[in-house]
Amino acid sequence: MTILREQLIEEIQQIPDERLPEIFDLIHFFRLGLDNVPAKSTDISKFAGAWSDMSDTQFAAYETEWQRRRQQAFVR
């Protein structure tokens, strides 16, 4: 195991249990993104219209939840 991996594990062990789901989501989706996006890709146009099949109500709910999670993630 690398030193950095060990440091990450030590940091995660210091996180309260009730916050672990947020950290898991962050790490999980980051890892999935690494599997699906080339490392040097800067073309974001492929995301254009990604939410076009959502109703306005669904998108508003998604956006509210996204903002709530983002705020929680950055609370000290």
PDB file of N, CA and C in Angstrom:
ATOM      1  N   MET A   1       0.849  -1.173   0.000  1.00  0.00           N
ATOM      2  CA  MET A   1       0.000   0.000   0.000  1.00  0.00           C
ATOM      3  C   MET A   1       0.898   1.241   0.000  1.00  0.00           C
ATOM      4  N   THR A   2       0.517   2.224  -0.814  1.00  0.00           N
ATOM      5  CA  THR A   2       1.327   3.438  -0.883  1.00  0.00           C
ATOM      6  C   THR A   2       1.096   4.314   0.343  1.00  0.00           C
ATOM      7  N   ILE A   3       2.028   5.200   0.589  1.00  0.00           N
ATOM      8  CA  ILE A   3       1.923   6.115   1.721  1.00  0.00           C
ATOM      9  C   ILE A   3       0.686   6.991   1.582  1.00  0.00           C
ATOM     10  N   LEU A   4       0.426   7.483   0.387  1.00  0.00           N
ATOM     11  CA  LEU A   4      -0.739   8.337   0.175  1.00  0.00           C
ATOM     12  C   LEU A   4      -2.036   7.576   0.446  1.00  0.00           C
ATOM     13  N   ARG A   5      -2.124   6.335   0.019  1.00  0.00           N
ATOM     14  CA  ARG A   5      -3.311   5.513   0.271  1.00  0.00           C
ATOM     15  C   ARG A   5      -3.500   5.325   1.785  1.00  0.00           C
ATOM     16  N   GLU A   6      -2.413   5.091   2.488  1.00  0.00           N
ATOM     17  CA  GLU A   6      -2.484   4.942   3.942  1.00  0.00           C
ATOM     18  C   GLU A   6      -2.942   6.244   4.605  1.00  0.00           C
ATOM     19  N   GLN A   7      -2.455   7.374   4.107  1.00  0.00           N
ATOM     20  CA  GLN A   7      -2.871   8.663   4.646  1.00  0.00           C
ATOM     21  C   GLN A   7      -4.364   8.893   4.413  1.00  0.00           C
ATOM     22  N   LEU A   8      -4.844   8.524   3.230  1.00  0.00           N
ATOM     23  CA  LEU A   8      -6.273   8.660   2.938  1.00  0.00           C
ATOM     24  C   LEU A   8      -7.111   7.814   3.896  1.00  0.00           C
ATOM     25  N   ILE A   9      -6.679   6.598   4.127  1.00  0.00           N
ATOM     26  CA  ILE A   9      -7.397   5.710   5.045  1.00  0.00           C
ATOM     27  C   ILE A   9      -7.416   6.302   6.447  1.00  0.00           C
ATOM     28  N   GLU A  10      -6.298   6.840   6.895  1.00  0.00           N
ATOM     29  CA  GLU A  10      -6.235   7.464   8.220  1.00  0.00           C
ATOM     30  C   GLU A  10      -7.191   8.650   8.320  1.00  0.00           C
ATOM     31  N   GLU A  11      -7.247   9.452   7.265  1.00  0.00           N
ATOM     32  CA  GLU A  11      -8.157  10.599   7.258  1.00  0.00           C
ATOM     33  C   GLU A  11      -9.608  10.131   7.298  1.00  0.00           C
ATOM     34  N   ILE A  12      -9.932   9.138   6.508  1.00  0.00           N
ATOM     35  CA  ILE A  12     -11.306   8.615   6.470  1.00  0.00           C
ATOM     36  C   ILE A  12     -11.707   8.061   7.830  1.00  0.00           C
ATOM     37  N   GLN A  13     -10.778   7.435   8.519  1.00  0.00           N
ATOM     38  CA  GLN A  13     -11.087   6.884   9.836  1.00  0.00           C
ATOM     39  C   GLN A  13     -11.431   7.972  10.850  1.00  0.00           C
ATOM     40  N   GLN A  14     -11.045   9.200  10.586  1.00  0.00           N
ATOM     41  CA  GLN A  14     -11.330  10.314  11.492  1.00  0.00           C
ATOM     42  C   GLN A  14     -12.689  10.961  11.219  1.00  0.00           C
ATOM     43  N   ILE A  15     -13.345  10.572  10.148  1.00  0.00           N
ATOM     44  CA  ILE A  15     -14.630  11.164   9.769  1.00  0.00           C
ATOM     45  C   ILE A  15     -15.747  10.505  10.584  1.00  0.00           C
ATOM     46  N   PRO A  16     -16.663  11.302  11.146  1.00  0.00           N
ATOM     47  CA  PRO A  16     -17.783  10.732  11.901  1.00  0.00           C
ATOM     48  C   PRO A  16     -18.634   9.813  11.009  1.00  0.00           C
ATOM     49  N   ASP A  17     -19.164   8.755  11.600  1.00  0.00           N
ATOM     50  CA  ASP A  17     -19.945   7.766  10.844  1.00  0.00           C
ATOM     51  C   ASP A  17     -21.088   8.382  10.055  1.00  0.00           C
ATOM     52  N   GLU A  18     -21.749   9.383  10.622  1.00  0.00           N
ATOM     53  CA  GLU A  18     -22.897   9.970   9.927  1.00  0.00           C
ATOM     54  C   GLU A  18     -22.509  10.741   8.672  1.00  0.00           C
ATOM     55  N   ARG A  19     -21.238  11.068   8.508  1.00  0.00           N
ATOM     56  CA  ARG A  19     -20.770  11.783   7.310  1.00  0.00           C
ATOM     57  C   ARG A  19     -20.177  10.847   6.262  1.00  0.00           C
ATOM     58  N   LEU A  20     -19.968   9.590   6.623  1.00  0.00           N
ATOM     59  CA  LEU A  20     -19.344   8.633   5.704  1.00  0.00           C
ATOM     60  C   LEU A  20     -20.118   8.424   4.398  1.00  0.00           C
ATOM     61  N   PRO A  21     -21.467   8.428   4.406  1.00  0.00           N
ATOM     62  CA  PRO A  21     -22.159   8.269   3.123  1.00  0.00           C
ATOM     63  C   PRO A  21     -21.784   9.349   2.105  1.00  0.00           C
ATOM     64  N   GLU A  22     -21.574  10.570   2.568  1.00  0.00           N
ATOM     65  CA  GLU A  22     -21.190  11.657   1.660  1.00  0.00           C
ATOM     66  C   GLU A  22     -19.799  11.405   1.075  1.00  0.00           C
ATOM     67  N   ILE A  23     -18.888  10.966   1.913  1.00  0.00           N
ATOM     68  CA  ILE A  23     -17.528  10.685   1.454  1.00  0.00           C
ATOM     69  C   ILE A  23     -17.534   9.512   0.485  1.00  0.00           C
ATOM     70  N   PHE A  24     -18.327   8.499   0.806  1.00  0.00           N
ATOM     71  CA  PHE A  24     -18.429   7.352  -0.097  1.00  0.00           C
ATOM     72  C   PHE A  24     -18.930   7.801  -1.462  1.00  0.00           C
ATOM     73  N   ASP A  25     -20.010   8.608  -1.493  1.00  0.00           N
ATOM     74  CA  ASP A  25     -20.541   9.091  -2.771  1.00  0.00           C
ATOM     75  C   ASP A  25     -19.477   9.835  -3.560  1.00  0.00           C
ATOM     76  N   LEU A  26     -18.751  10.700  -2.885  1.00  0.00           N
ATOM     77  CA  LEU A  26     -17.706  11.486  -3.542  1.00  0.00           C
ATOM     78  C   LEU A  26     -16.647  10.580  -4.161  1.00  0.00           C
ATOM     79  N   ILE A  27     -16.133   9.670  -3.370  1.00  0.00           N
ATOM     80  CA  ILE A  27     -15.070   8.775  -3.856  1.00  0.00           C
ATOM     81  C   ILE A  27     -15.596   7.846  -4.943  1.00  0.00           C
ATOM     82  N   HIS A  28     -16.781   7.296  -4.727  1.00  0.00           N
ATOM     83  CA  HIS A  28     -17.354   6.350  -5.685  1.00  0.00           C
ATOM     84  C   HIS A  28     -17.572   7.002  -7.046  1.00  0.00           C
ATOM     85  N   PHE A  29     -18.207   8.171  -7.065  1.00  0.00           N
ATOM     86  CA  PHE A  29     -18.475   8.824  -8.335  1.00  0.00           C
ATOM     87  C   PHE A  29     -17.203   9.352  -8.979  1.00  0.00           C
ATOM     88  N   PHE A  30     -16.230   9.743  -8.176  1.00  0.00           N
ATOM     89  CA  PHE A  30     -14.941  10.146  -8.732  1.00  0.00           C
ATOM     90  C   PHE A  30     -14.276   8.967  -9.428  1.00  0.00           C
ATOM     91  N   ARG A  31     -14.281   7.806  -8.763  1.00  0.00           N
ATOM     92  CA  ARG A  31     -13.670   6.614  -9.342  1.00  0.00           C
ATOM     93  C   ARG A  31     -14.395   6.194 -10.618  1.00  0.00           C
ATOM     94  N   LEU A  32     -15.718   6.233 -10.601  1.00  0.00           N
ATOM     95  CA  LEU A  32     -16.475   5.886 -11.801  1.00  0.00           C
ATOM     96  C   LEU A  32     -16.133   6.837 -12.942  1.00  0.00           C
ATOM     97  N   GLY A  33     -15.965   8.101 -12.607  1.00  0.00           N
ATOM     98  CA  GLY A  33     -15.599   9.079 -13.624  1.00  0.00           C
ATOM     99  C   GLY A  33     -14.245   8.774 -14.238  1.00  0.00           C
ATOM    100  N   LEU A  34     -13.324   8.271 -13.438  1.00  0.00           N
ATOM    101  CA  LEU A  34     -12.003   7.917 -13.963  1.00  0.00           C
ATOM    102  C   LEU A  34     -12.100   6.775 -14.959  1.00  0.00           C
ATOM    103  N   ASP A  35     -13.048   5.867 -14.730  1.00  0.00           N
ATOM    104  CA  ASP A  35     -13.236   4.732 -15.632  1.00  0.00           C
ATOM    105  C   ASP A  35     -13.877   5.138 -16.948  1.00  0.00           C
ATOM    106  N   ASN A  36     -14.652   6.226 -16.945  1.00  0.00           N
ATOM    107  CA  ASN A  36     -15.460   6.570 -18.109  1.00  0.00           C
ATOM    108  C   ASN A  36     -14.959   7.759 -18.919  1.00  0.00           C
ATOM    109  N   VAL A  37     -14.043   8.548 -18.371  1.00  0.00           N
ATOM    110  CA  VAL A  37     -13.588   9.752 -19.050  1.00  0.00           C
ATOM    111  C   VAL A  37     -12.075   9.698 -19.234  1.00  0.00           C
ATOM    112  N   PRO A  38     -11.607   9.906 -20.454  1.00  0.00           N
ATOM    113  CA  PRO A  38     -10.154   9.950 -20.639  1.00  0.00           C
ATOM    114  C   PRO A  38      -9.538  11.048 -19.781  1.00  0.00           C
ATOM    115  N   ALA A  39      -8.396  10.785 -19.215  1.00  0.00           N
ATOM    116  CA  ALA A  39      -7.753  11.699 -18.265  1.00  0.00           C
ATOM    117  C   ALA A  39      -7.516  13.090 -18.840  1.00  0.00           C
ATOM    118  N   LYS A  40      -7.218  13.208 -20.127  1.00  0.00           N
ATOM    119  CA  LYS A  40      -6.891  14.506 -20.712  1.00  0.00           C
ATOM    120  C   LYS A  40      -8.075  15.154 -21.428  1.00  0.00           C
ATOM    121  N   SER A  41      -9.256  14.586 -21.294  1.00  0.00           N
ATOM    122  CA  SER A  41     -10.427  15.121 -21.976  1.00  0.00           C
ATOM    123  C   SER A  41     -10.844  16.460 -21.382  1.00  0.00           C
ATOM    124  N   THR A  42     -11.021  17.463 -22.238  1.00  0.00           N
ATOM    125  CA  THR A  42     -11.518  18.764 -21.793  1.00  0.00           C
ATOM    126  C   THR A  42     -12.780  19.140 -22.554  1.00  0.00           C
ATOM    127  N   ASP A  43     -13.299  18.223 -23.360  1.00  0.00           N
ATOM    128  CA  ASP A  43     -14.493  18.496 -24.163  1.00  0.00           C
ATOM    129  C   ASP A  43     -15.740  18.270 -23.316  1.00  0.00           C
ATOM    130  N   ILE A  44     -16.325  19.367 -22.821  1.00  0.00           N
ATOM    131  CA  ILE A  44     -17.520  19.230 -21.992  1.00  0.00           C
ATOM    132  C   ILE A  44     -18.796  19.295 -22.828  1.00  0.00           C
ATOM    133  N   SER A  45     -18.666  19.518 -24.116  1.00  0.00           N
ATOM    134  CA  SER A  45     -19.856  19.629 -24.951  1.00  0.00           C
ATOM    135  C   SER A  45     -20.666  18.337 -24.997  1.00  0.00           C
ATOM    136  N   LYS A  46     -20.028  17.195 -24.678  1.00  0.00           N
ATOM    137  CA  LYS A  46     -20.761  15.930 -24.697  1.00  0.00           C
ATOM    138  C   LYS A  46     -21.831  15.876 -23.611  1.00  0.00           C
ATOM    139  N   PHE A  47     -21.792  16.795 -22.638  1.00  0.00           N
ATOM    140  CA  PHE A  47     -22.800  16.839 -21.591  1.00  0.00           C
ATOM    141  C   PHE A  47     -23.978  17.744 -21.953  1.00  0.00           C
ATOM    142  N   ALA A  48     -23.892  18.418 -23.076  1.00  0.00           N
ATOM    143  CA  ALA A  48     -24.966  19.323 -23.483  1.00  0.00           C
ATOM    144  C   ALA A  48     -26.276  18.554 -23.602  1.00  0.00           C
ATOM    145  N   GLY A  49     -27.300  19.061 -22.957  1.00  0.00           N
ATOM    146  CA  GLY A  49     -28.611  18.430 -23.012  1.00  0.00           C
ATOM    147  C   GLY A  49     -28.760  17.193 -22.163  1.00  0.00           C
ATOM    148  N   ALA A  50     -27.824  16.963 -21.248  1.00  0.00           N
ATOM    149  CA  ALA A  50     -27.847  15.743 -20.441  1.00  0.00           C
ATOM    150  C   ALA A  50     -29.128  15.620 -19.609  1.00  0.00           C
ATOM    151  N   TRP A  51     -29.725  16.737 -19.249  1.00  0.00           N
ATOM    152  CA  TRP A  51     -30.933  16.695 -18.426  1.00  0.00           C
ATOM    153  C   TRP A  51     -32.174  17.071 -19.226  1.00  0.00           C
ATOM    154  N   SER A  52     -32.087  17.066 -20.532  1.00  0.00           N
ATOM    155  CA  SER A  52     -33.210  17.521 -21.353  1.00  0.00           C
ATOM    156  C   SER A  52     -34.434  16.624 -21.250  1.00  0.00           C
ATOM    157  N   ASP A  53     -34.251  15.378 -20.819  1.00  0.00           N
ATOM    158  CA  ASP A  53     -35.400  14.481 -20.703  1.00  0.00           C
ATOM    159  C   ASP A  53     -36.084  14.573 -19.340  1.00  0.00           C
ATOM    160  N   MET A  54     -35.593  15.446 -18.466  1.00  0.00           N
ATOM    161  CA  MET A  54     -36.206  15.635 -17.147  1.00  0.00           C
ATOM    162  C   MET A  54     -37.247  16.742 -17.226  1.00  0.00           C
ATOM    163  N   SER A  55     -38.336  16.557 -16.485  1.00  0.00           N
ATOM    164  CA  SER A  55     -39.324  17.636 -16.409  1.00  0.00           C
ATOM    165  C   SER A  55     -38.729  18.779 -15.587  1.00  0.00           C
ATOM    166  N   ASP A  56     -39.340  19.943 -15.678  1.00  0.00           N
ATOM    167  CA  ASP A  56     -38.864  21.089 -14.898  1.00  0.00           C
ATOM    168  C   ASP A  56     -38.930  20.794 -13.405  1.00  0.00           C
ATOM    169  N   THR A  57     -39.982  20.086 -12.984  1.00  0.00           N
ATOM    170  CA  THR A  57     -40.139  19.742 -11.572  1.00  0.00           C
ATOM    171  C   THR A  57     -39.032  18.791 -11.121  1.00  0.00           C
ATOM    172  N   GLN A  58     -38.738  17.775 -11.931  1.00  0.00           N
ATOM    173  CA  GLN A  58     -37.677  16.829 -11.601  1.00  0.00           C
ATOM    174  C   GLN A  58     -36.326  17.526 -11.547  1.00  0.00           C
ATOM    175  N   PHE A  59     -36.075  18.401 -12.520  1.00  0.00           N
ATOM    176  CA  PHE A  59     -34.798  19.105 -12.553  1.00  0.00           C
ATOM    177  C   PHE A  59     -34.659  20.025 -11.351  1.00  0.00           C
ATOM    178  N   ALA A  60     -35.727  20.717 -10.968  1.00  0.00           N
ATOM    179  CA  ALA A  60     -35.680  21.604  -9.793  1.00  0.00           C
ATOM    180  C   ALA A  60     -35.375  20.798  -8.538  1.00  0.00           C
ATOM    181  N   ALA A  61     -35.992  19.624  -8.400  1.00  0.00           N
ATOM    182  CA  ALA A  61     -35.726  18.768  -7.237  1.00  0.00           C
ATOM    183  C   ALA A  61     -34.280  18.292  -7.252  1.00  0.00           C
ATOM    184  N   TYR A  62     -33.790  17.917  -8.433  1.00  0.00           N
ATOM    185  CA  TYR A  62     -32.398  17.481  -8.568  1.00  0.00           C
ATOM    186  C   TYR A  62     -31.454  18.616  -8.171  1.00  0.00           C
ATOM    187  N   GLU A  63     -31.716  19.798  -8.676  1.00  0.00           N
ATOM    188  CA  GLU A  63     -30.842  20.932  -8.401  1.00  0.00           C
ATOM    189  C   GLU A  63     -30.836  21.288  -6.910  1.00  0.00           C
ATOM    190  N   THR A  64     -31.995  21.246  -6.268  1.00  0.00           N
ATOM    191  CA  THR A  64     -32.089  21.520  -4.836  1.00  0.00           C
ATOM    192  C   THR A  64     -31.275  20.500  -4.046  1.00  0.00           C
ATOM    193  N   GLU A  65     -31.420  19.225  -4.386  1.00  0.00           N
ATOM    194  CA  GLU A  65     -30.682  18.168  -3.691  1.00  0.00           C
ATOM    195  C   GLU A  65     -29.180  18.306  -3.929  1.00  0.00           C
ATOM    196  N   TRP A  66     -28.798  18.624  -5.145  1.00  0.00           N
ATOM    197  CA  TRP A  66     -27.386  18.802  -5.482  1.00  0.00           C
ATOM    198  C   TRP A  66     -26.783  19.945  -4.668  1.00  0.00           C
ATOM    199  N   GLN A  67     -27.488  21.060  -4.563  1.00  0.00           N
ATOM    200  CA  GLN A  67     -26.993  22.198  -3.791  1.00  0.00           C
ATOM    201  C   GLN A  67     -26.900  21.849  -2.312  1.00  0.00           C
ATOM    202  N   ARG A  68     -27.888  21.111  -1.783  1.00  0.00           N
ATOM    203  CA  ARG A  68     -27.877  20.723  -0.374  1.00  0.00           C
ATOM    204  C   ARG A  68     -26.667  19.838  -0.084  1.00  0.00           C
ATOM    205  N   ARG A  69     -26.422  18.864  -0.942  1.00  0.00           N
ATOM    206  CA  ARG A  69     -25.282  17.971  -0.730  1.00  0.00           C
ATOM    207  C   ARG A  69     -23.957  18.716  -0.851  1.00  0.00           C
ATOM    208  N   ARG A  70     -23.898  19.638  -1.774  1.00  0.00           N
ATOM    209  CA  ARG A  70     -22.663  20.406  -1.933  1.00  0.00           C
ATOM    210  C   ARG A  70     -22.387  21.256  -0.703  1.00  0.00           C
ATOM    211  N   GLN A  71     -23.429  21.884  -0.166  1.00  0.00           N
ATOM    212  CA  GLN A  71     -23.259  22.691   1.033  1.00  0.00           C
ATOM    213  C   GLN A  71     -22.816  21.813   2.206  1.00  0.00           C
ATOM    214  N   GLN A  72     -23.409  20.652   2.349  1.00  0.00           N
ATOM    215  CA  GLN A  72     -23.032  19.739   3.425  1.00  0.00           C
ATOM    216  C   GLN A  72     -21.597  19.278   3.287  1.00  0.00           C
ATOM    217  N   ALA A  73     -21.164  19.054   2.068  1.00  0.00           N
ATOM    218  CA  ALA A  73     -19.819  18.560   1.831  1.00  0.00           C
ATOM    219  C   ALA A  73     -18.748  19.576   2.244  1.00  0.00           C
ATOM    220  N   PHE A  74     -19.110  20.850   2.203  1.00  0.00           N
ATOM    221  CA  PHE A  74     -18.114  21.870   2.481  1.00  0.00           C
ATOM    222  C   PHE A  74     -18.331  22.579   3.809  1.00  0.00           C
ATOM    223  N   VAL A  75     -19.201  22.042   4.658  1.00  0.00           N
ATOM    224  CA  VAL A  75     -19.384  22.585   6.004  1.00  0.00           C
ATOM    225  C   VAL A  75     -18.192  22.190   6.838  1.00  0.00           C
ATOM    226  N   ARG A  76     -17.669  23.100   7.581  1.00  0.00           N
ATOM    227  CA  ARG A  76     -16.469  22.784   8.390  1.00  0.00           C
ATOM    228  C   ARG A  76     -16.841  22.063   9.625  1.00  0.00           C
TER     229      ARG A  76
END
